[in-house]
Amino acid sequence: MRRQDKADRIGEILEEMYPDPPVPLDHETPYQLVVAVALSAQTTDKKVNEVTPGLFAVAPTPEKMAALDPDQILEHIRTVGLAPTKARNLWTMANQIVDAGGEIIGDWDFLESLAGVGHKTASVVMGGVFGVPAFAVDTHIHRLAARWGLSDGSNVERTERDLKAVFPESTWSDRHLQIIYFGREHCPAKRHDLSTCPICGWAATKKRIALESGR
């Protein structure tokens, strides 16, 4: 099956399963989404959603976050991965935003200049807040794109380019969320029987199925 035909069929399945996928991180403002996505690195969205209510209760805006010190921020996010580094980044980020006028700007260079914000976080914000076509690639998407033969899995930059090439630009923001939800619910990283998966069962190559089954 051609890569494009495979992507078209995958897109149809995902659209049927997740027609209107919500952003899985709780937030009320663009700034809070930036914070939540930055916290989600090497941490589950569930854990992030457990700590952000307390954090946003005391620091819902960049001004109030900047008024804290990193140790105070750390107290609210201690249970997430890399918490000390993230606390320092959130404080630095808040000050950067305040210095720039206090608002999140829909600009790639601005977002990626913020402490703790990489291309993935910027992609989530550009697509989810500003409606700019973006395909954020996280570990779920990187893994599934390789399993499905849509990318070679060499690095996330290559995966992003390959997925953008086979999925229509208008679907990018939803498609990345659909793949994330599918990965969590049907296509886990470990102890997964690819042959019975609703997508891997026909999209993965025999070589890939054998590799992951240890045969």
C-alpha atoms as a PDB file:
ATOM      1  CA  MET A   1       0.000   0.000   0.000  1.00  0.00           C
ATOM      2  CA  ARG A   2       1.321   3.449  -0.931  1.00  0.00           C
ATOM      3  CA  ARG A   3       2.171   5.718   1.982  1.00  0.00           C
ATOM      4  CA  GLN A   4      -0.410   8.272   0.876  1.00  0.00           C
ATOM      5  CA  ASP A   5      -3.169   5.648   0.569  1.00  0.00           C
ATOM      6  CA  LYS A   6      -2.262   4.387   4.030  1.00  0.00           C
ATOM      7  CA  ALA A   7      -2.416   7.916   5.468  1.00  0.00           C
ATOM      8  CA  ASP A   8      -5.795   8.537   3.824  1.00  0.00           C
ATOM      9  CA  ARG A   9      -7.251   5.393   5.366  1.00  0.00           C
ATOM     10  CA  ILE A  10      -5.735   6.180   8.766  1.00  0.00           C
ATOM     11  CA  GLY A  11      -7.202   9.668   8.583  1.00  0.00           C
ATOM     12  CA  GLU A  12     -10.681   8.261   7.888  1.00  0.00           C
ATOM     13  CA  ILE A  13     -10.437   5.900  10.864  1.00  0.00           C
ATOM     14  CA  LEU A  14      -9.237   8.629  13.215  1.00  0.00           C
ATOM     15  CA  GLU A  15     -11.931  11.050  12.043  1.00  0.00           C
ATOM     16  CA  GLU A  16     -14.585   8.451  12.796  1.00  0.00           C
ATOM     17  CA  MET A  17     -13.142   7.585  16.210  1.00  0.00           C
ATOM     18  CA  TYR A  18     -12.280  11.135  17.338  1.00  0.00           C
ATOM     19  CA  PRO A  19     -14.339  13.634  15.289  1.00  0.00           C
ATOM     20  CA  ASP A  20     -13.729  16.596  17.603  1.00  0.00           C
ATOM     21  CA  PRO A  21     -10.682  15.854  19.773  1.00  0.00           C
ATOM     22  CA  PRO A  22     -10.273  18.204  22.757  1.00  0.00           C
ATOM     23  CA  VAL A  23      -6.929  19.453  24.015  1.00  0.00           C
ATOM     24  CA  PRO A  24      -6.232  17.041  26.909  1.00  0.00           C
ATOM     25  CA  LEU A  25      -4.598  19.694  29.112  1.00  0.00           C
ATOM     26  CA  ASP A  26      -6.901  21.818  31.279  1.00  0.00           C
ATOM     27  CA  HIS A  27      -6.504  25.565  30.748  1.00  0.00           C
ATOM     28  CA  GLU A  28      -8.547  28.746  30.515  1.00  0.00           C
ATOM     29  CA  THR A  29      -6.172  31.097  28.686  1.00  0.00           C
ATOM     30  CA  PRO A  30      -3.446  30.863  26.037  1.00  0.00           C
ATOM     31  CA  TYR A  31      -0.844  31.522  28.730  1.00  0.00           C
ATOM     32  CA  GLN A  32      -2.137  28.652  30.835  1.00  0.00           C
ATOM     33  CA  LEU A  33      -1.971  26.345  27.812  1.00  0.00           C
ATOM     34  CA  VAL A  34       1.683  27.275  27.273  1.00  0.00           C
ATOM     35  CA  VAL A  35       2.400  26.482  30.922  1.00  0.00           C
ATOM     36  CA  ALA A  36       0.504  23.184  30.832  1.00  0.00           C
ATOM     37  CA  VAL A  37       2.202  21.971  27.648  1.00  0.00           C
ATOM     38  CA  ALA A  38       5.619  22.960  28.996  1.00  0.00           C
ATOM     39  CA  LEU A  39       4.879  20.969  32.160  1.00  0.00           C
ATOM     40  CA  SER A  40       3.819  17.919  30.144  1.00  0.00           C
ATOM     41  CA  ALA A  41       7.336  17.100  28.928  1.00  0.00           C
ATOM     42  CA  GLN A  42       8.216  13.654  30.328  1.00  0.00           C
ATOM     43  CA  THR A  43       5.021  13.786  32.387  1.00  0.00           C
ATOM     44  CA  THR A  44       1.523  12.493  31.711  1.00  0.00           C
ATOM     45  CA  ASP A  45      -1.259  14.928  30.917  1.00  0.00           C
ATOM     46  CA  LYS A  46      -3.176  13.417  33.827  1.00  0.00           C
ATOM     47  CA  LYS A  47      -0.420  14.425  36.249  1.00  0.00           C
ATOM     48  CA  VAL A  48      -0.217  17.915  34.758  1.00  0.00           C
ATOM     49  CA  ASN A  49      -3.972  18.343  35.177  1.00  0.00           C
ATOM     50  CA  GLU A  50      -3.576  17.369  38.828  1.00  0.00           C
ATOM     51  CA  VAL A  51      -1.046  20.106  39.601  1.00  0.00           C
ATOM     52  CA  THR A  52      -2.175  23.021  37.434  1.00  0.00           C
ATOM     53  CA  PRO A  53      -5.358  23.868  39.400  1.00  0.00           C
ATOM     54  CA  GLY A  54      -3.282  24.686  42.465  1.00  0.00           C
ATOM     55  CA  LEU A  55      -0.654  26.492  40.422  1.00  0.00           C
ATOM     56  CA  PHE A  56      -3.178  28.556  38.465  1.00  0.00           C
ATOM     57  CA  ALA A  57      -5.077  29.388  41.658  1.00  0.00           C
ATOM     58  CA  VAL A  58      -2.088  31.453  42.794  1.00  0.00           C
ATOM     59  CA  ALA A  59      -0.526  32.322  39.431  1.00  0.00           C
ATOM     60  CA  PRO A  60      -3.086  32.376  36.613  1.00  0.00           C
ATOM     61  CA  THR A  61      -1.245  35.087  34.671  1.00  0.00           C
ATOM     62  CA  PRO A  62       2.379  35.731  33.739  1.00  0.00           C
ATOM     63  CA  GLU A  63       2.432  38.753  36.051  1.00  0.00           C
ATOM     64  CA  LYS A  64       1.439  36.660  39.055  1.00  0.00           C
ATOM     65  CA  MET A  65       3.790  33.833  38.085  1.00  0.00           C
ATOM     66  CA  ALA A  66       6.672  36.306  37.819  1.00  0.00           C
ATOM     67  CA  ALA A  67       5.810  37.638  41.281  1.00  0.00           C
ATOM     68  CA  LEU A  68       6.576  34.227  42.775  1.00  0.00           C
ATOM     69  CA  ASP A  69      10.063  32.812  43.039  1.00  0.00           C
ATOM     70  CA  PRO A  70      11.071  29.466  41.528  1.00  0.00           C
ATOM     71  CA  ASP A  71      10.931  27.683  44.885  1.00  0.00           C
ATOM     72  CA  GLN A  72       7.323  28.771  45.383  1.00  0.00           C
ATOM     73  CA  ILE A  73       6.434  27.526  41.909  1.00  0.00           C
ATOM     74  CA  LEU A  74       8.219  24.265  42.643  1.00  0.00           C
ATOM     75  CA  GLU A  75       5.975  23.622  45.637  1.00  0.00           C
ATOM     76  CA  HIS A  76       2.986  23.415  43.284  1.00  0.00           C
ATOM     77  CA  ILE A  77       4.571  21.223  40.610  1.00  0.00           C
ATOM     78  CA  ARG A  78       6.884  19.026  42.660  1.00  0.00           C
ATOM     79  CA  THR A  79       5.241  15.771  41.498  1.00  0.00           C
ATOM     80  CA  VAL A  80       5.849  16.317  37.773  1.00  0.00           C
ATOM     81  CA  GLY A  81       8.987  15.151  36.022  1.00  0.00           C
ATOM     82  CA  LEU A  82      11.972  17.525  36.019  1.00  0.00           C
ATOM     83  CA  ALA A  83      10.102  19.787  38.453  1.00  0.00           C
ATOM     84  CA  PRO A  84      13.052  21.969  39.613  1.00  0.00           C
ATOM     85  CA  THR A  85      14.050  22.797  36.040  1.00  0.00           C
ATOM     86  CA  LYS A  86      10.459  23.438  35.024  1.00  0.00           C
ATOM     87  CA  ALA A  87       9.900  25.733  38.006  1.00  0.00           C
ATOM     88  CA  ARG A  88      12.863  27.874  36.985  1.00  0.00           C
ATOM     89  CA  ASN A  89      11.677  27.881  33.376  1.00  0.00           C
ATOM     90  CA  LEU A  90       8.136  28.928  34.322  1.00  0.00           C
ATOM     91  CA  TRP A  91       9.489  31.842  36.338  1.00  0.00           C
ATOM     92  CA  THR A  92      11.822  32.914  33.531  1.00  0.00           C
ATOM     93  CA  MET A  93       9.080  32.464  30.933  1.00  0.00           C
ATOM     94  CA  ALA A  94       6.662  34.596  32.931  1.00  0.00           C
ATOM     95  CA  ASN A  95       9.186  37.407  33.131  1.00  0.00           C
ATOM     96  CA  GLN A  96       9.874  37.158  29.398  1.00  0.00           C
ATOM     97  CA  ILE A  97       6.156  37.448  28.638  1.00  0.00           C
ATOM     98  CA  VAL A  98       5.718  40.391  31.009  1.00  0.00           C
ATOM     99  CA  ASP A  99       8.680  42.152  29.404  1.00  0.00           C
ATOM    100  CA  ALA A 100       7.107  41.584  25.974  1.00  0.00           C
ATOM    101  CA  GLY A 101       3.808  43.167  26.994  1.00  0.00           C
ATOM    102  CA  GLY A 102       2.131  40.493  29.090  1.00  0.00           C
ATOM    103  CA  GLU A 103       0.371  38.552  26.318  1.00  0.00           C
ATOM    104  CA  ILE A 104       1.035  35.343  24.404  1.00  0.00           C
ATOM    105  CA  ILE A 105       1.847  36.295  20.829  1.00  0.00           C
ATOM    106  CA  GLY A 106       0.979  34.079  17.869  1.00  0.00           C
ATOM    107  CA  ASP A 107       4.503  34.118  16.527  1.00  0.00           C
ATOM    108  CA  TRP A 108       6.826  31.124  16.172  1.00  0.00           C
ATOM    109  CA  ASP A 109       9.989  33.005  17.067  1.00  0.00           C
ATOM    110  CA  PHE A 110       8.402  34.562  20.147  1.00  0.00           C
ATOM    111  CA  LEU A 111       7.018  31.287  21.456  1.00  0.00           C
ATOM    112  CA  GLU A 112      10.185  29.308  20.838  1.00  0.00           C
ATOM    113  CA  SER A 113      12.235  32.007  22.571  1.00  0.00           C
ATOM    114  CA  LEU A 114      10.405  31.393  25.854  1.00  0.00           C
ATOM    115  CA  ALA A 115      12.154  29.358  28.539  1.00  0.00           C
ATOM    116  CA  GLY A 116      11.008  25.747  28.528  1.00  0.00           C
ATOM    117  CA  VAL A 117       9.133  26.109  25.237  1.00  0.00           C
ATOM    118  CA  GLY A 118      10.321  24.042  22.300  1.00  0.00           C
ATOM    119  CA  HIS A 119       8.896  23.507  18.845  1.00  0.00           C
ATOM    120  CA  LYS A 120       6.326  20.962  20.053  1.00  0.00           C
ATOM    121  CA  THR A 121       4.869  23.332  22.650  1.00  0.00           C
ATOM    122  CA  ALA A 122       4.863  26.189  20.158  1.00  0.00           C
ATOM    123  CA  SER A 123       3.075  23.963  17.641  1.00  0.00           C
ATOM    124  CA  VAL A 124       0.329  23.088  20.133  1.00  0.00           C
ATOM    125  CA  VAL A 125      -0.225  26.765  20.937  1.00  0.00           C
ATOM    126  CA  MET A 126      -0.078  27.992  17.345  1.00  0.00           C
ATOM    127  CA  GLY A 127      -2.593  25.384  16.244  1.00  0.00           C
ATOM    128  CA  GLY A 128      -4.842  25.312  19.298  1.00  0.00           C
ATOM    129  CA  VAL A 129      -4.952  29.028  20.079  1.00  0.00           C
ATOM    130  CA  PHE A 130      -4.167  30.898  16.893  1.00  0.00           C
ATOM    131  CA  GLY A 131      -5.501  28.486  14.283  1.00  0.00           C
ATOM    132  CA  VAL A 132      -2.173  28.283  12.465  1.00  0.00           C
ATOM    133  CA  PRO A 133      -1.693  24.878  10.801  1.00  0.00           C
ATOM    134  CA  ALA A 134       0.791  22.995  12.972  1.00  0.00           C
ATOM    135  CA  PHE A 135       1.575  19.336  13.619  1.00  0.00           C
ATOM    136  CA  ALA A 136       2.965  18.883  17.114  1.00  0.00           C
ATOM    137  CA  VAL A 137       4.895  15.609  17.372  1.00  0.00           C
ATOM    138  CA  ASP A 138       5.132  14.010  20.802  1.00  0.00           C
ATOM    139  CA  THR A 139       6.360  10.550  21.780  1.00  0.00           C
ATOM    140  CA  HIS A 140       3.008   8.908  20.940  1.00  0.00           C
ATOM    141  CA  ILE A 141       2.952  10.386  17.446  1.00  0.00           C
ATOM    142  CA  HIS A 142       6.635   9.687  16.785  1.00  0.00           C
ATOM    143  CA  ARG A 143       6.166   6.034  17.776  1.00  0.00           C
ATOM    144  CA  LEU A 144       2.931   5.474  15.854  1.00  0.00           C
ATOM    145  CA  ALA A 145       4.153   7.170  12.676  1.00  0.00           C
ATOM    146  CA  ALA A 146       7.019   4.669  12.598  1.00  0.00           C
ATOM    147  CA  ARG A 147       4.769   1.706  13.394  1.00  0.00           C
ATOM    148  CA  TRP A 148       2.380   2.674  10.612  1.00  0.00           C
ATOM    149  CA  GLY A 149       5.137   3.193   8.068  1.00  0.00           C
ATOM    150  CA  LEU A 150       4.388   6.882   7.641  1.00  0.00           C
ATOM    151  CA  SER A 151       7.914   7.886   8.693  1.00  0.00           C
ATOM    152  CA  ASP A 152      11.194   6.117   9.343  1.00  0.00           C
ATOM    153  CA  GLY A 153      11.296   7.150  12.998  1.00  0.00           C
ATOM    154  CA  SER A 154      14.806   8.589  12.725  1.00  0.00           C
ATOM    155  CA  ASN A 155      13.924  11.796  14.601  1.00  0.00           C
ATOM    156  CA  VAL A 156      10.913  13.948  15.469  1.00  0.00           C
ATOM    157  CA  GLU A 157      11.815  16.576  12.867  1.00  0.00           C
ATOM    158  CA  ARG A 158      11.669  13.965  10.107  1.00  0.00           C
ATOM    159  CA  THR A 159       8.414  12.581  11.509  1.00  0.00           C
ATOM    160  CA  GLU A 160       6.848  16.052  11.488  1.00  0.00           C
ATOM    161  CA  ARG A 161       7.871  16.638   7.872  1.00  0.00           C
ATOM    162  CA  ASP A 162       6.596  13.233   6.760  1.00  0.00           C
ATOM    163  CA  LEU A 163       3.233  13.585   8.492  1.00  0.00           C
ATOM    164  CA  LYS A 164       2.709  17.084   7.115  1.00  0.00           C
ATOM    165  CA  ALA A 165       3.365  15.662   3.657  1.00  0.00           C
ATOM    166  CA  VAL A 166       0.649  12.974   3.815  1.00  0.00           C
ATOM    167  CA  PHE A 167      -2.115  14.643   5.850  1.00  0.00           C
ATOM    168  CA  PRO A 168      -4.025  17.704   4.556  1.00  0.00           C
ATOM    169  CA  GLU A 169      -2.899  20.938   6.201  1.00  0.00           C
ATOM    170  CA  SER A 170      -6.454  21.636   7.383  1.00  0.00           C
ATOM    171  CA  THR A 171      -6.363  18.456   9.511  1.00  0.00           C
ATOM    172  CA  TRP A 172      -2.988  18.913  11.200  1.00  0.00           C
ATOM    173  CA  SER A 173      -4.151  20.394  14.507  1.00  0.00           C
ATOM    174  CA  ASP A 174      -6.871  17.769  14.981  1.00  0.00           C
ATOM    175  CA  ARG A 175      -4.841  14.912  13.541  1.00  0.00           C
ATOM    176  CA  HIS A 176      -2.051  15.209  16.098  1.00  0.00           C
ATOM    177  CA  LEU A 177      -4.619  15.031  18.903  1.00  0.00           C
ATOM    178  CA  GLN A 178      -6.402  12.092  17.271  1.00  0.00           C
ATOM    179  CA  ILE A 179      -3.155  10.140  17.047  1.00  0.00           C
ATOM    180  CA  ILE A 180      -2.359  10.918  20.684  1.00  0.00           C
ATOM    181  CA  TYR A 181      -5.759   9.635  21.835  1.00  0.00           C
ATOM    182  CA  PHE A 182      -5.466   6.549  19.637  1.00  0.00           C
ATOM    183  CA  GLY A 183      -2.008   5.816  21.016  1.00  0.00           C
ATOM    184  CA  ARG A 184      -3.206   6.024  24.589  1.00  0.00           C
ATOM    185  CA  GLU A 185      -6.343   3.959  24.100  1.00  0.00           C
ATOM    186  CA  HIS A 186      -5.385   1.414  21.452  1.00  0.00           C
ATOM    187  CA  CYS A 187      -1.667   1.478  20.665  1.00  0.00           C
ATOM    188  CA  PRO A 188       0.561   1.515  23.789  1.00  0.00           C
ATOM    189  CA  ALA A 189       4.339   1.490  23.661  1.00  0.00           C
ATOM    190  CA  LYS A 190       4.789  -1.826  25.481  1.00  0.00           C
ATOM    191  CA  ARG A 191       3.090  -5.218  25.429  1.00  0.00           C
ATOM    192  CA  HIS A 192       1.103  -4.291  22.335  1.00  0.00           C
ATOM    193  CA  ASP A 193      -0.002  -6.929  19.842  1.00  0.00           C
ATOM    194  CA  LEU A 194       0.305  -5.014  16.593  1.00  0.00           C
ATOM    195  CA  SER A 195      -1.544  -7.709  14.656  1.00  0.00           C
ATOM    196  CA  THR A 196      -4.789  -7.030  16.549  1.00  0.00           C
ATOM    197  CA  CYS A 197      -4.536  -3.209  16.566  1.00  0.00           C
ATOM    198  CA  PRO A 198      -7.248  -1.394  14.542  1.00  0.00           C
ATOM    199  CA  ILE A 199      -4.536   0.408  12.558  1.00  0.00           C
ATOM    200  CA  CYS A 200      -1.254  -1.439  13.132  1.00  0.00           C
ATOM    201  CA  GLY A 201      -3.002  -4.684  12.149  1.00  0.00           C
ATOM    202  CA  TRP A 202      -3.055  -3.619   8.502  1.00  0.00           C
ATOM    203  CA  ALA A 203      -0.698  -0.598   8.371  1.00  0.00           C
ATOM    204  CA  ALA A 204       2.392  -2.077  10.034  1.00  0.00           C
ATOM    205  CA  THR A 205       4.718  -4.191   7.925  1.00  0.00           C
ATOM    206  CA  LYS A 206       5.272  -7.860   8.743  1.00  0.00           C
ATOM    207  CA  LYS A 207       8.854  -6.929   9.579  1.00  0.00           C
ATOM    208  CA  ARG A 208       7.674  -4.299  12.072  1.00  0.00           C
ATOM    209  CA  ILE A 209       5.174  -6.685  13.684  1.00  0.00           C
ATOM    210  CA  ALA A 210       7.854  -9.358  14.034  1.00  0.00           C
ATOM    211  CA  LEU A 211      10.344  -6.832  15.449  1.00  0.00           C
ATOM    212  CA  GLU A 212       7.993  -5.630  18.169  1.00  0.00           C
ATOM    213  CA  SER A 213       6.804  -9.102  19.051  1.00  0.00           C
ATOM    214  CA  GLY A 214      10.401 -10.210  19.607  1.00  0.00           C
ATOM    215  CA  ARG A 215      10.304 -12.828  16.896  1.00  0.00           C
END
